[in-house]
Amino acid sequence: MKKLLFLSFIIWGIIFWLGKTIFLFENLWRKTTDRNYIIPDESSLLKFRATKMNQGSGDGWLYGEDENYYYSTKTGEKNPRYIKFLKKDTSQFRNFNRFQIVTWRKNCFKKLIDN
């Protein structure tokens, strides 16, 4: 009995740890509860992490990231999809802030957002 209880604690611990290290459970939950929740095409359910959620009426994310990109749905468009920014390119911008879309727009995204 003690071995079974110990084994169940180990299994739940592994599940909890996996839930914190890969974002599969969080993304699956949000995809099933909100049909408008998007995972960027360049990312996956395992790797995408929403870093800032909309605090208003929608449940969508405003900012997210994976190992290669930062993403934002704050595009200024009425029906925004998202824009992405390569993490390795952030060194080009002295005042880059992953939670401030205006710092992304300086060069690369000015054309995309103004069109």
PDB file of N, CA and C in Angstrom:
ATOM      1  N   MET A   1       0.818  -1.199   0.000  1.00  0.00           N
ATOM      2  CA  MET A   1       0.000   0.000   0.000  1.00  0.00           C
ATOM      3  C   MET A   1       0.856   1.254   0.000  1.00  0.00           C
ATOM      4  N   LYS A   2       1.930   1.248   0.824  1.00  0.00           N
ATOM      5  CA  LYS A   2       2.807   2.401   0.877  1.00  0.00           C
ATOM      6  C   LYS A   2       3.532   2.605  -0.451  1.00  0.00           C
ATOM      7  N   LYS A   3       3.900   1.484  -1.094  1.00  0.00           N
ATOM      8  CA  LYS A   3       4.573   1.587  -2.386  1.00  0.00           C
ATOM      9  C   LYS A   3       3.645   2.182  -3.436  1.00  0.00           C
ATOM     10  N   LEU A   4       2.378   1.803  -3.407  1.00  0.00           N
ATOM     11  CA  LEU A   4       1.407   2.328  -4.362  1.00  0.00           C
ATOM     12  C   LEU A   4       1.173   3.816  -4.139  1.00  0.00           C
ATOM     13  N   LEU A   5       1.077   4.238  -2.898  1.00  0.00           N
ATOM     14  CA  LEU A   5       0.915   5.651  -2.575  1.00  0.00           C
ATOM     15  C   LEU A   5       2.142   6.448  -3.008  1.00  0.00           C
ATOM     16  N   PHE A   6       3.331   5.911  -2.727  1.00  0.00           N
ATOM     17  CA  PHE A   6       4.566   6.568  -3.132  1.00  0.00           C
ATOM     18  C   PHE A   6       4.645   6.676  -4.659  1.00  0.00           C
ATOM     19  N   LEU A   7       4.278   5.624  -5.358  1.00  0.00           N
ATOM     20  CA  LEU A   7       4.292   5.618  -6.822  1.00  0.00           C
ATOM     21  C   LEU A   7       3.313   6.639  -7.393  1.00  0.00           C
ATOM     22  N   SER A   8       2.147   6.762  -6.774  1.00  0.00           N
ATOM     23  CA  SER A   8       1.179   7.746  -7.257  1.00  0.00           C
ATOM     24  C   SER A   8       1.690   9.166  -7.048  1.00  0.00           C
ATOM     25  N   PHE A   9       2.383   9.434  -5.924  1.00  0.00           N
ATOM     26  CA  PHE A   9       2.986  10.756  -5.707  1.00  0.00           C
ATOM     27  C   PHE A   9       4.046  11.046  -6.768  1.00  0.00           C
ATOM     28  N   ILE A  10       4.842  10.046  -7.094  1.00  0.00           N
ATOM     29  CA  ILE A  10       5.878  10.213  -8.118  1.00  0.00           C
ATOM     30  C   ILE A  10       5.239  10.505  -9.472  1.00  0.00           C
ATOM     31  N   ILE A  11       4.216   9.781  -9.832  1.00  0.00           N
ATOM     32  CA  ILE A  11       3.550   9.986 -11.123  1.00  0.00           C
ATOM     33  C   ILE A  11       2.925  11.364 -11.192  1.00  0.00           C
ATOM     34  N   TRP A  12       2.230  11.774 -10.137  1.00  0.00           N
ATOM     35  CA  TRP A  12       1.638  13.118 -10.132  1.00  0.00           C
ATOM     36  C   TRP A  12       2.705  14.205 -10.148  1.00  0.00           C
ATOM     37  N   GLY A  13       3.818  13.961  -9.494  1.00  0.00           N
ATOM     38  CA  GLY A  13       4.925  14.912  -9.517  1.00  0.00           C
ATOM     39  C   GLY A  13       5.496  15.074 -10.919  1.00  0.00           C
ATOM     40  N   ILE A  14       5.630  13.969 -11.630  1.00  0.00           N
ATOM     41  CA  ILE A  14       6.130  14.016 -13.004  1.00  0.00           C
ATOM     42  C   ILE A  14       5.134  14.743 -13.900  1.00  0.00           C
ATOM     43  N   ILE A  15       3.852  14.464 -13.742  1.00  0.00           N
ATOM     44  CA  ILE A  15       2.831  15.142 -14.536  1.00  0.00           C
ATOM     45  C   ILE A  15       2.845  16.636 -14.258  1.00  0.00           C
ATOM     46  N   PHE A  16       2.952  17.020 -13.001  1.00  0.00           N
ATOM     47  CA  PHE A  16       3.017  18.439 -12.642  1.00  0.00           C
ATOM     48  C   PHE A  16       4.260  19.088 -13.241  1.00  0.00           C
ATOM     49  N   TRP A  17       5.402  18.424 -13.128  1.00  0.00           N
ATOM     50  CA  TRP A  17       6.645  18.958 -13.677  1.00  0.00           C
ATOM     51  C   TRP A  17       6.546  19.116 -15.190  1.00  0.00           C
ATOM     52  N   LEU A  18       6.005  18.122 -15.881  1.00  0.00           N
ATOM     53  CA  LEU A  18       5.839  18.215 -17.332  1.00  0.00           C
ATOM     54  C   LEU A  18       4.890  19.355 -17.702  1.00  0.00           C
ATOM     55  N   GLY A  19       3.860  19.533 -16.906  1.00  0.00           N
ATOM     56  CA  GLY A  19       2.919  20.619 -17.164  1.00  0.00           C
ATOM     57  C   GLY A  19       3.549  21.986 -17.039  1.00  0.00           C
ATOM     58  N   LYS A  20       4.574  22.097 -16.216  1.00  0.00           N
ATOM     59  CA  LYS A  20       5.268  23.373 -16.053  1.00  0.00           C
ATOM     60  C   LYS A  20       6.387  23.571 -17.067  1.00  0.00           C
ATOM     61  N   THR A  21       6.977  22.501 -17.557  1.00  0.00           N
ATOM     62  CA  THR A  21       8.096  22.636 -18.479  1.00  0.00           C
ATOM     63  C   THR A  21       7.663  22.635 -19.933  1.00  0.00           C
ATOM     64  N   ILE A  22       6.692  21.835 -20.297  1.00  0.00           N
ATOM     65  CA  ILE A  22       6.130  21.924 -21.640  1.00  0.00           C
ATOM     66  C   ILE A  22       4.727  22.495 -21.475  1.00  0.00           C
ATOM     67  N   PHE A  23       4.310  23.241 -22.413  1.00  0.00           N
ATOM     68  CA  PHE A  23       3.073  23.999 -22.262  1.00  0.00           C
ATOM     69  C   PHE A  23       1.895  23.303 -22.925  1.00  0.00           C
ATOM     70  N   LEU A  24       2.018  22.003 -23.125  1.00  0.00           N
ATOM     71  CA  LEU A  24       0.987  21.225 -23.796  1.00  0.00           C
ATOM     72  C   LEU A  24      -0.341  21.285 -23.060  1.00  0.00           C
ATOM     73  N   PHE A  25      -0.334  21.045 -21.768  1.00  0.00           N
ATOM     74  CA  PHE A  25      -1.588  20.994 -21.006  1.00  0.00           C
ATOM     75  C   PHE A  25      -2.303  22.344 -21.008  1.00  0.00           C
ATOM     76  N   GLU A  26      -1.538  23.401 -20.781  1.00  0.00           N
ATOM     77  CA  GLU A  26      -2.118  24.744 -20.772  1.00  0.00           C
ATOM     78  C   GLU A  26      -2.688  25.099 -22.141  1.00  0.00           C
ATOM     79  N   ASN A  27      -1.926  24.825 -23.200  1.00  0.00           N
ATOM     80  CA  ASN A  27      -2.393  25.135 -24.552  1.00  0.00           C
ATOM     81  C   ASN A  27      -3.586  24.283 -24.961  1.00  0.00           C
ATOM     82  N   LEU A  28      -3.582  23.015 -24.600  1.00  0.00           N
ATOM     83  CA  LEU A  28      -4.736  22.157 -24.906  1.00  0.00           C
ATOM     84  C   LEU A  28      -5.989  22.649 -24.185  1.00  0.00           C
ATOM     85  N   TRP A  29      -5.833  23.025 -22.935  1.00  0.00           N
ATOM     86  CA  TRP A  29      -6.984  23.517 -22.169  1.00  0.00           C
ATOM     87  C   TRP A  29      -7.554  24.775 -22.822  1.00  0.00           C
ATOM     88  N   ARG A  30      -6.676  25.701 -23.164  1.00  0.00           N
ATOM     89  CA  ARG A  30      -7.149  26.947 -23.763  1.00  0.00           C
ATOM     90  C   ARG A  30      -7.741  26.726 -25.148  1.00  0.00           C
ATOM     91  N   LYS A  31      -7.170  25.811 -25.923  1.00  0.00           N
ATOM     92  CA  LYS A  31      -7.724  25.513 -27.246  1.00  0.00           C
ATOM     93  C   LYS A  31      -9.109  24.882 -27.134  1.00  0.00           C
ATOM     94  N   THR A  32      -9.321  24.044 -26.127  1.00  0.00           N
ATOM     95  CA  THR A  32     -10.624  23.389 -25.996  1.00  0.00           C
ATOM     96  C   THR A  32     -11.677  24.302 -25.379  1.00  0.00           C
ATOM     97  N   THR A  33     -11.267  25.233 -24.535  1.00  0.00           N
ATOM     98  CA  THR A  33     -12.252  26.108 -23.893  1.00  0.00           C
ATOM     99  C   THR A  33     -12.504  27.405 -24.658  1.00  0.00           C
ATOM    100  N   ASP A  34     -11.593  27.783 -25.552  1.00  0.00           N
ATOM    101  CA  ASP A  34     -11.755  29.014 -26.318  1.00  0.00           C
ATOM    102  C   ASP A  34     -11.425  28.724 -27.776  1.00  0.00           C
ATOM    103  N   ARG A  35     -12.423  28.714 -28.614  1.00  0.00           N
ATOM    104  CA  ARG A  35     -12.199  28.359 -30.013  1.00  0.00           C
ATOM    105  C   ARG A  35     -11.406  29.418 -30.761  1.00  0.00           C
ATOM    106  N   ASN A  36     -11.281  30.619 -30.209  1.00  0.00           N
ATOM    107  CA  ASN A  36     -10.499  31.686 -30.842  1.00  0.00           C
ATOM    108  C   ASN A  36      -9.042  31.713 -30.390  1.00  0.00           C
ATOM    109  N   TYR A  37      -8.669  30.851 -29.465  1.00  0.00           N
ATOM    110  CA  TYR A  37      -7.289  30.796 -28.987  1.00  0.00           C
ATOM    111  C   TYR A  37      -6.414  30.245 -30.109  1.00  0.00           C
ATOM    112  N   ILE A  38      -5.353  30.966 -30.431  1.00  0.00           N
ATOM    113  CA  ILE A  38      -4.500  30.533 -31.533  1.00  0.00           C
ATOM    114  C   ILE A  38      -3.110  30.138 -31.031  1.00  0.00           C
ATOM    115  N   ILE A  39      -2.539  29.185 -31.714  1.00  0.00           N
ATOM    116  CA  ILE A  39      -1.145  28.812 -31.550  1.00  0.00           C
ATOM    117  C   ILE A  39      -0.467  29.240 -32.842  1.00  0.00           C
ATOM    118  N   PRO A  40       0.581  30.042 -32.780  1.00  0.00           N
ATOM    119  CA  PRO A  40       1.231  30.494 -34.014  1.00  0.00           C
ATOM    120  C   PRO A  40       1.678  29.324 -34.885  1.00  0.00           C
ATOM    121  N   ASP A  41       1.587  29.521 -36.194  1.00  0.00           N
ATOM    122  CA  ASP A  41       1.965  28.466 -37.137  1.00  0.00           C
ATOM    123  C   ASP A  41       3.427  28.064 -36.991  1.00  0.00           C
ATOM    124  N   GLU A  42       4.279  28.992 -36.579  1.00  0.00           N
ATOM    125  CA  GLU A  42       5.703  28.722 -36.432  1.00  0.00           C
ATOM    126  C   GLU A  42       6.024  27.964 -35.145  1.00  0.00           C
ATOM    127  N   SER A  43       5.071  27.834 -34.272  1.00  0.00           N
ATOM    128  CA  SER A  43       5.291  27.195 -32.985  1.00  0.00           C
ATOM    129  C   SER A  43       4.487  25.905 -32.906  1.00  0.00           C
ATOM    130  N   SER A  44       4.279  25.402 -31.698  1.00  0.00           N
ATOM    131  CA  SER A  44       3.494  24.175 -31.514  1.00  0.00           C
ATOM    132  C   SER A  44       2.838  24.188 -30.138  1.00  0.00           C
ATOM    133  N   LEU A  45       1.943  23.251 -29.923  1.00  0.00           N
ATOM    134  CA  LEU A  45       1.285  23.113 -28.625  1.00  0.00           C
ATOM    135  C   LEU A  45       2.290  22.841 -27.508  1.00  0.00           C
ATOM    136  N   LEU A  46       3.381  22.168 -27.849  1.00  0.00           N
ATOM    137  CA  LEU A  46       4.392  21.834 -26.844  1.00  0.00           C
ATOM    138  C   LEU A  46       5.282  23.009 -26.481  1.00  0.00           C
ATOM    139  N   LYS A  47       5.541  23.900 -27.437  1.00  0.00           N
ATOM    140  CA  LYS A  47       6.570  24.919 -27.234  1.00  0.00           C
ATOM    141  C   LYS A  47       6.041  26.318 -26.993  1.00  0.00           C
ATOM    142  N   PHE A  48       4.851  26.627 -27.467  1.00  0.00           N
ATOM    143  CA  PHE A  48       4.340  27.981 -27.327  1.00  0.00           C
ATOM    144  C   PHE A  48       3.918  28.260 -25.891  1.00  0.00           C
ATOM    145  N   ARG A  49       4.298  29.449 -25.408  1.00  0.00           N
ATOM    146  CA  ARG A  49       3.919  29.860 -24.050  1.00  0.00           C
ATOM    147  C   ARG A  49       3.338  31.268 -24.117  1.00  0.00           C
ATOM    148  N   ALA A  50       2.110  31.407 -23.678  1.00  0.00           N
ATOM    149  CA  ALA A  50       1.489  32.727 -23.581  1.00  0.00           C
ATOM    150  C   ALA A  50       2.080  33.421 -22.365  1.00  0.00           C
ATOM    151  N   THR A  51       2.738  34.562 -22.596  1.00  0.00           N
ATOM    152  CA  THR A  51       3.409  35.246 -21.497  1.00  0.00           C
ATOM    153  C   THR A  51       2.588  36.383 -20.909  1.00  0.00           C
ATOM    154  N   LYS A  52       1.619  36.898 -21.676  1.00  0.00           N
ATOM    155  CA  LYS A  52       0.731  37.934 -21.151  1.00  0.00           C
ATOM    156  C   LYS A  52      -0.647  37.728 -21.774  1.00  0.00           C
ATOM    157  N   MET A  53      -1.630  37.523 -20.918  1.00  0.00           N
ATOM    158  CA  MET A  53      -2.989  37.263 -21.379  1.00  0.00           C
ATOM    159  C   MET A  53      -3.805  38.550 -21.381  1.00  0.00           C
ATOM    160  N   ASN A  54      -4.846  38.561 -22.195  1.00  0.00           N
ATOM    161  CA  ASN A  54      -5.770  39.683 -22.243  1.00  0.00           C
ATOM    162  C   ASN A  54      -6.565  39.706 -20.939  1.00  0.00           C
ATOM    163  N   GLN A  55      -6.564  40.822 -20.262  1.00  0.00           N
ATOM    164  CA  GLN A  55      -7.291  40.944 -19.003  1.00  0.00           C
ATOM    165  C   GLN A  55      -8.723  41.420 -19.207  1.00  0.00           C
ATOM    166  N   GLY A  56      -9.082  41.711 -20.449  1.00  0.00           N
ATOM    167  CA  GLY A  56     -10.423  42.205 -20.744  1.00  0.00           C
ATOM    168  C   GLY A  56     -11.411  41.079 -20.967  1.00  0.00           C
ATOM    169  N   SER A  57     -12.300  41.288 -21.925  1.00  0.00           N
ATOM    170  CA  SER A  57     -13.382  40.331 -22.153  1.00  0.00           C
ATOM    171  C   SER A  57     -12.919  39.075 -22.884  1.00  0.00           C
ATOM    172  N   GLY A  58     -11.832  39.140 -23.615  1.00  0.00           N
ATOM    173  CA  GLY A  58     -11.356  37.972 -24.344  1.00  0.00           C
ATOM    174  C   GLY A  58     -10.355  37.166 -23.546  1.00  0.00           C
ATOM    175  N   ASP A  59     -10.243  35.890 -23.884  1.00  0.00           N
ATOM    176  CA  ASP A  59      -9.289  35.029 -23.192  1.00  0.00           C
ATOM    177  C   ASP A  59      -8.004  34.851 -23.971  1.00  0.00           C
ATOM    178  N   GLY A  60      -7.844  35.561 -25.056  1.00  0.00           N
ATOM    179  CA  GLY A  60      -6.662  35.391 -25.887  1.00  0.00           C
ATOM    180  C   GLY A  60      -5.408  35.951 -25.248  1.00  0.00           C
ATOM    181  N   TRP A  61      -4.292  35.596 -25.813  1.00  0.00           N
ATOM    182  CA  TRP A  61      -3.014  36.089 -25.326  1.00  0.00           C
ATOM    183  C   TRP A  61      -2.638  37.357 -26.078  1.00  0.00           C
ATOM    184  N   LEU A  62      -1.924  38.234 -25.404  1.00  0.00           N
ATOM    185  CA  LEU A  62      -1.406  39.449 -26.026  1.00  0.00           C
ATOM    186  C   LEU A  62       0.042  39.264 -26.451  1.00  0.00           C
ATOM    187  N   TYR A  63       0.806  38.566 -25.629  1.00  0.00           N
ATOM    188  CA  TYR A  63       2.203  38.288 -25.925  1.00  0.00           C
ATOM    189  C   TYR A  63       2.493  36.825 -25.627  1.00  0.00           C
ATOM    190  N   GLY A  64       3.378  36.250 -26.427  1.00  0.00           N
ATOM    191  CA  GLY A  64       3.777  34.869 -26.228  1.00  0.00           C
ATOM    192  C   GLY A  64       5.174  34.654 -26.774  1.00  0.00           C
ATOM    193  N   GLU A  65       5.698  33.463 -26.546  1.00  0.00           N
ATOM    194  CA  GLU A  65       7.035  33.161 -27.039  1.00  0.00           C
ATOM    195  C   GLU A  65       7.242  31.662 -27.151  1.00  0.00           C
ATOM    196  N   ASP A  66       8.244  31.305 -27.918  1.00  0.00           N
ATOM    197  CA  ASP A  66       8.767  29.950 -27.946  1.00  0.00           C
ATOM    198  C   ASP A  66      10.285  30.072 -28.018  1.00  0.00           C
ATOM    199  N   GLU A  67      10.974  29.013 -28.403  1.00  0.00           N
ATOM    200  CA  GLU A  67      12.437  29.085 -28.372  1.00  0.00           C
ATOM    201  C   GLU A  67      13.020  30.014 -29.439  1.00  0.00           C
ATOM    202  N   ASN A  68      12.263  30.320 -30.503  1.00  0.00           N
ATOM    203  CA  ASN A  68      12.800  31.131 -31.595  1.00  0.00           C
ATOM    204  C   ASN A  68      12.201  32.530 -31.721  1.00  0.00           C
ATOM    205  N   TYR A  69      10.941  32.701 -31.352  1.00  0.00           N
ATOM    206  CA  TYR A  69      10.234  33.943 -31.631  1.00  0.00           C
ATOM    207  C   TYR A  69       9.534  34.512 -30.396  1.00  0.00           C
ATOM    208  N   TYR A  70       9.321  35.833 -30.459  1.00  0.00           N
ATOM    209  CA  TYR A  70       8.349  36.506 -29.615  1.00  0.00           C
ATOM    210  C   TYR A  70       7.142  36.761 -30.502  1.00  0.00           C
ATOM    211  N   TYR A  71       5.942  36.652 -29.946  1.00  0.00           N
ATOM    212  CA  TYR A  71       4.713  36.856 -30.708  1.00  0.00           C
ATOM    213  C   TYR A  71       3.849  37.893 -29.995  1.00  0.00           C
ATOM    214  N   SER A  72       3.047  38.594 -30.793  1.00  0.00           N
ATOM    215  CA  SER A  72       2.083  39.516 -30.215  1.00  0.00           C
ATOM    216  C   SER A  72       0.838  39.572 -31.084  1.00  0.00           C
ATOM    217  N   THR A  73      -0.307  39.643 -30.435  1.00  0.00           N
ATOM    218  CA  THR A  73      -1.564  39.843 -31.155  1.00  0.00           C
ATOM    219  C   THR A  73      -1.982  41.303 -31.116  1.00  0.00           C
ATOM    220  N   LYS A  74      -1.181  42.150 -30.490  1.00  0.00           N
ATOM    221  CA  LYS A  74      -1.480  43.589 -30.431  1.00  0.00           C
ATOM    222  C   LYS A  74      -0.964  44.257 -31.703  1.00  0.00           C
ATOM    223  N   THR A  75      -1.609  43.970 -32.816  1.00  0.00           N
ATOM    224  CA  THR A  75      -1.139  44.473 -34.107  1.00  0.00           C
ATOM    225  C   THR A  75      -1.762  45.802 -34.470  1.00  0.00           C
ATOM    226  N   GLY A  76      -2.796  46.217 -33.771  1.00  0.00           N
ATOM    227  CA  GLY A  76      -3.489  47.450 -34.108  1.00  0.00           C
ATOM    228  C   GLY A  76      -4.575  47.238 -35.153  1.00  0.00           C
ATOM    229  N   GLU A  77      -4.761  46.019 -35.597  1.00  0.00           N
ATOM    230  CA  GLU A  77      -5.788  45.696 -36.575  1.00  0.00           C
ATOM    231  C   GLU A  77      -7.070  45.317 -35.856  1.00  0.00           C
ATOM    232  N   LYS A  78      -8.185  45.423 -36.578  1.00  0.00           N
ATOM    233  CA  LYS A  78      -9.470  45.079 -35.972  1.00  0.00           C
ATOM    234  C   LYS A  78      -9.562  43.588 -35.664  1.00  0.00           C
ATOM    235  N   ASN A  79      -9.160  42.742 -36.578  1.00  0.00           N
ATOM    236  CA  ASN A  79      -9.155  41.291 -36.372  1.00  0.00           C
ATOM    237  C   ASN A  79      -7.714  40.795 -36.430  1.00  0.00           C
ATOM    238  N   PRO A  80      -6.991  40.969 -35.344  1.00  0.00           N
ATOM    239  CA  PRO A  80      -5.556  40.658 -35.398  1.00  0.00           C
ATOM    240  C   PRO A  80      -5.286  39.165 -35.444  1.00  0.00           C
ATOM    241  N   ARG A  81      -4.302  38.808 -36.161  1.00  0.00           N
ATOM    242  CA  ARG A  81      -3.772  37.456 -36.116  1.00  0.00           C
ATOM    243  C   ARG A  81      -2.619  37.510 -35.108  1.00  0.00           C
ATOM    244  N   TYR A  82      -1.429  37.728 -35.580  1.00  0.00           N
ATOM    245  CA  TYR A  82      -0.283  37.937 -34.712  1.00  0.00           C
ATOM    246  C   TYR A  82       0.897  38.395 -35.560  1.00  0.00           C
ATOM    247  N   ILE A  83       1.882  38.967 -34.902  1.00  0.00           N
ATOM    248  CA  ILE A  83       3.154  39.241 -35.548  1.00  0.00           C
ATOM    249  C   ILE A  83       4.227  38.548 -34.738  1.00  0.00           C
ATOM    250  N   LYS A  84       5.355  38.312 -35.379  1.00  0.00           N
ATOM    251  CA  LYS A  84       6.436  37.592 -34.712  1.00  0.00           C
ATOM    252  C   LYS A  84       7.725  38.376 -34.851  1.00  0.00           C
ATOM    253  N   PHE A  85       8.638  38.118 -33.952  1.00  0.00           N
ATOM    254  CA  PHE A  85       9.935  38.774 -33.953  1.00  0.00           C
ATOM    255  C   PHE A  85      10.969  37.742 -33.527  1.00  0.00           C
ATOM    256  N   LEU A  86      12.001  37.561 -34.336  1.00  0.00           N
ATOM    257  CA  LEU A  86      13.054  36.604 -34.001  1.00  0.00           C
ATOM    258  C   LEU A  86      13.784  37.026 -32.730  1.00  0.00           C
ATOM    259  N   LYS A  87      13.947  36.107 -31.822  1.00  0.00           N
ATOM    260  CA  LYS A  87      14.637  36.413 -30.569  1.00  0.00           C
ATOM    261  C   LYS A  87      16.080  36.825 -30.817  1.00  0.00           C
ATOM    262  N   LYS A  88      16.713  36.215 -31.803  1.00  0.00           N
ATOM    263  CA  LYS A  88      18.117  36.544 -32.053  1.00  0.00           C
ATOM    264  C   LYS A  88      18.289  37.961 -32.601  1.00  0.00           C
ATOM    265  N   ASP A  89      17.217  38.558 -33.139  1.00  0.00           N
ATOM    266  CA  ASP A  89      17.284  39.924 -33.665  1.00  0.00           C
ATOM    267  C   ASP A  89      17.033  40.991 -32.609  1.00  0.00           C
ATOM    268  N   THR A  90      16.714  40.599 -31.404  1.00  0.00           N
ATOM    269  CA  THR A  90      16.412  41.599 -30.370  1.00  0.00           C
ATOM    270  C   THR A  90      17.635  42.417 -29.982  1.00  0.00           C
ATOM    271  N   SER A  91      18.816  41.887 -30.229  1.00  0.00           N
ATOM    272  CA  SER A  91      20.031  42.637 -29.886  1.00  0.00           C
ATOM    273  C   SER A  91      20.199  43.875 -30.765  1.00  0.00           C
ATOM    274  N   GLN A  92      19.508  43.941 -31.888  1.00  0.00           N
ATOM    275  CA  GLN A  92      19.583  45.104 -32.777  1.00  0.00           C
ATOM    276  C   GLN A  92      18.856  46.314 -32.199  1.00  0.00           C
ATOM    277  N   PHE A  93      17.967  46.085 -31.254  1.00  0.00           N
ATOM    278  CA  PHE A  93      17.148  47.159 -30.708  1.00  0.00           C
ATOM    279  C   PHE A  93      17.545  47.424 -29.268  1.00  0.00           C
ATOM    280  N   ARG A  94      18.046  48.592 -29.022  1.00  0.00           N
ATOM    281  CA  ARG A  94      18.545  48.925 -27.688  1.00  0.00           C
ATOM    282  C   ARG A  94      17.434  48.927 -26.646  1.00  0.00           C
ATOM    283  N   ASN A  95      16.260  49.382 -27.015  1.00  0.00           N
ATOM    284  CA  ASN A  95      15.155  49.488 -26.058  1.00  0.00           C
ATOM    285  C   ASN A  95      14.097  48.423 -26.272  1.00  0.00           C
ATOM    286  N   PHE A  96      14.465  47.279 -26.811  1.00  0.00           N
ATOM    287  CA  PHE A  96      13.484  46.227 -27.070  1.00  0.00           C
ATOM    288  C   PHE A  96      12.874  45.728 -25.766  1.00  0.00           C
ATOM    289  N   ASN A  97      11.552  45.634 -25.753  1.00  0.00           N
ATOM    290  CA  ASN A  97      10.823  45.100 -24.603  1.00  0.00           C
ATOM    291  C   ASN A  97       9.816  44.102 -25.149  1.00  0.00           C
ATOM    292  N   ARG A  98       9.905  42.876 -24.712  1.00  0.00           N
ATOM    293  CA  ARG A  98       9.034  41.836 -25.271  1.00  0.00           C
ATOM    294  C   ARG A  98       7.564  42.047 -24.934  1.00  0.00           C
ATOM    295  N   PHE A  99       7.251  42.947 -23.988  1.00  0.00           N
ATOM    296  CA  PHE A  99       5.870  43.235 -23.623  1.00  0.00           C
ATOM    297  C   PHE A  99       5.401  44.604 -24.108  1.00  0.00           C
ATOM    298  N   GLN A 100       6.160  45.229 -25.008  1.00  0.00           N
ATOM    299  CA  GLN A 100       5.785  46.528 -25.567  1.00  0.00           C
ATOM    300  C   GLN A 100       5.918  46.464 -27.082  1.00  0.00           C
ATOM    301  N   ILE A 101       4.804  46.323 -27.780  1.00  0.00           N
ATOM    302  CA  ILE A 101       4.817  46.169 -29.226  1.00  0.00           C
ATOM    303  C   ILE A 101       5.442  47.371 -29.934  1.00  0.00           C
ATOM    304  N   VAL A 102       5.365  48.540 -29.346  1.00  0.00           N
ATOM    305  CA  VAL A 102       5.951  49.718 -29.999  1.00  0.00           C
ATOM    306  C   VAL A 102       7.464  49.588 -30.156  1.00  0.00           C
ATOM    307  N   THR A 103       8.116  48.827 -29.312  1.00  0.00           N
ATOM    308  CA  THR A 103       9.562  48.630 -29.457  1.00  0.00           C
ATOM    309  C   THR A 103       9.887  47.630 -30.556  1.00  0.00           C
ATOM    310  N   TRP A 104       8.911  46.885 -31.032  1.00  0.00           N
ATOM    311  CA  TRP A 104       9.116  45.933 -32.122  1.00  0.00           C
ATOM    312  C   TRP A 104       9.015  46.620 -33.479  1.00  0.00           C
ATOM    313  N   ARG A 105       8.295  47.709 -33.542  1.00  0.00           N
ATOM    314  CA  ARG A 105       7.903  48.314 -34.807  1.00  0.00           C
ATOM    315  C   ARG A 105       8.985  49.143 -35.478  1.00  0.00           C
ATOM    316  N   LYS A 106      10.063  49.405 -34.848  1.00  0.00           N
ATOM    317  CA  LYS A 106      11.029  50.380 -35.346  1.00  0.00           C
ATOM    318  C   LYS A 106      11.407  50.175 -36.808  1.00  0.00           C
ATOM    319  N   ASN A 107      11.909  49.031 -37.190  1.00  0.00           N
ATOM    320  CA  ASN A 107      12.338  48.821 -38.572  1.00  0.00           C
ATOM    321  C   ASN A 107      11.569  47.695 -39.255  1.00  0.00           C
ATOM    322  N   CYS A 108      11.709  46.506 -38.728  1.00  0.00           N
ATOM    323  CA  CYS A 108      11.197  45.319 -39.413  1.00  0.00           C
ATOM    324  C   CYS A 108       9.696  45.318 -39.590  1.00  0.00           C
ATOM    325  N   PHE A 109       8.946  45.764 -38.583  1.00  0.00           N
ATOM    326  CA  PHE A 109       7.506  45.614 -38.634  1.00  0.00           C
ATOM    327  C   PHE A 109       6.777  46.863 -39.086  1.00  0.00           C
ATOM    328  N   LYS A 110       7.475  47.928 -39.317  1.00  0.00           N
ATOM    329  CA  LYS A 110       6.795  49.159 -39.731  1.00  0.00           C
ATOM    330  C   LYS A 110       6.000  48.933 -41.017  1.00  0.00           C
ATOM    331  N   LYS A 111       6.588  48.241 -41.975  1.00  0.00           N
ATOM    332  CA  LYS A 111       5.901  47.970 -43.237  1.00  0.00           C
ATOM    333  C   LYS A 111       4.692  47.061 -43.023  1.00  0.00           C
ATOM    334  N   LEU A 112       4.842  46.029 -42.202  1.00  0.00           N
ATOM    335  CA  LEU A 112       3.749  45.084 -41.971  1.00  0.00           C
ATOM    336  C   LEU A 112       2.570  45.738 -41.273  1.00  0.00           C
ATOM    337  N   ILE A 113       2.834  46.577 -40.308  1.00  0.00           N
ATOM    338  CA  ILE A 113       1.765  47.164 -39.516  1.00  0.00           C
ATOM    339  C   ILE A 113       1.116  48.322 -40.251  1.00  0.00           C
ATOM    340  N   ASP A 114       1.884  49.099 -41.026  1.00  0.00           N
ATOM    341  CA  ASP A 114       1.327  50.242 -41.730  1.00  0.00           C
ATOM    342  C   ASP A 114       0.485  49.838 -42.941  1.00  0.00           C
ATOM    343  N   ASN A 115       0.693  48.645 -43.472  1.00  0.00           N
ATOM    344  CA  ASN A 115      -0.073  48.200 -44.656  1.00  0.00           C
ATOM    345  C   ASN A 115      -1.474  47.794 -44.305  1.00  0.00           C
TER     346      ASN A 115
END
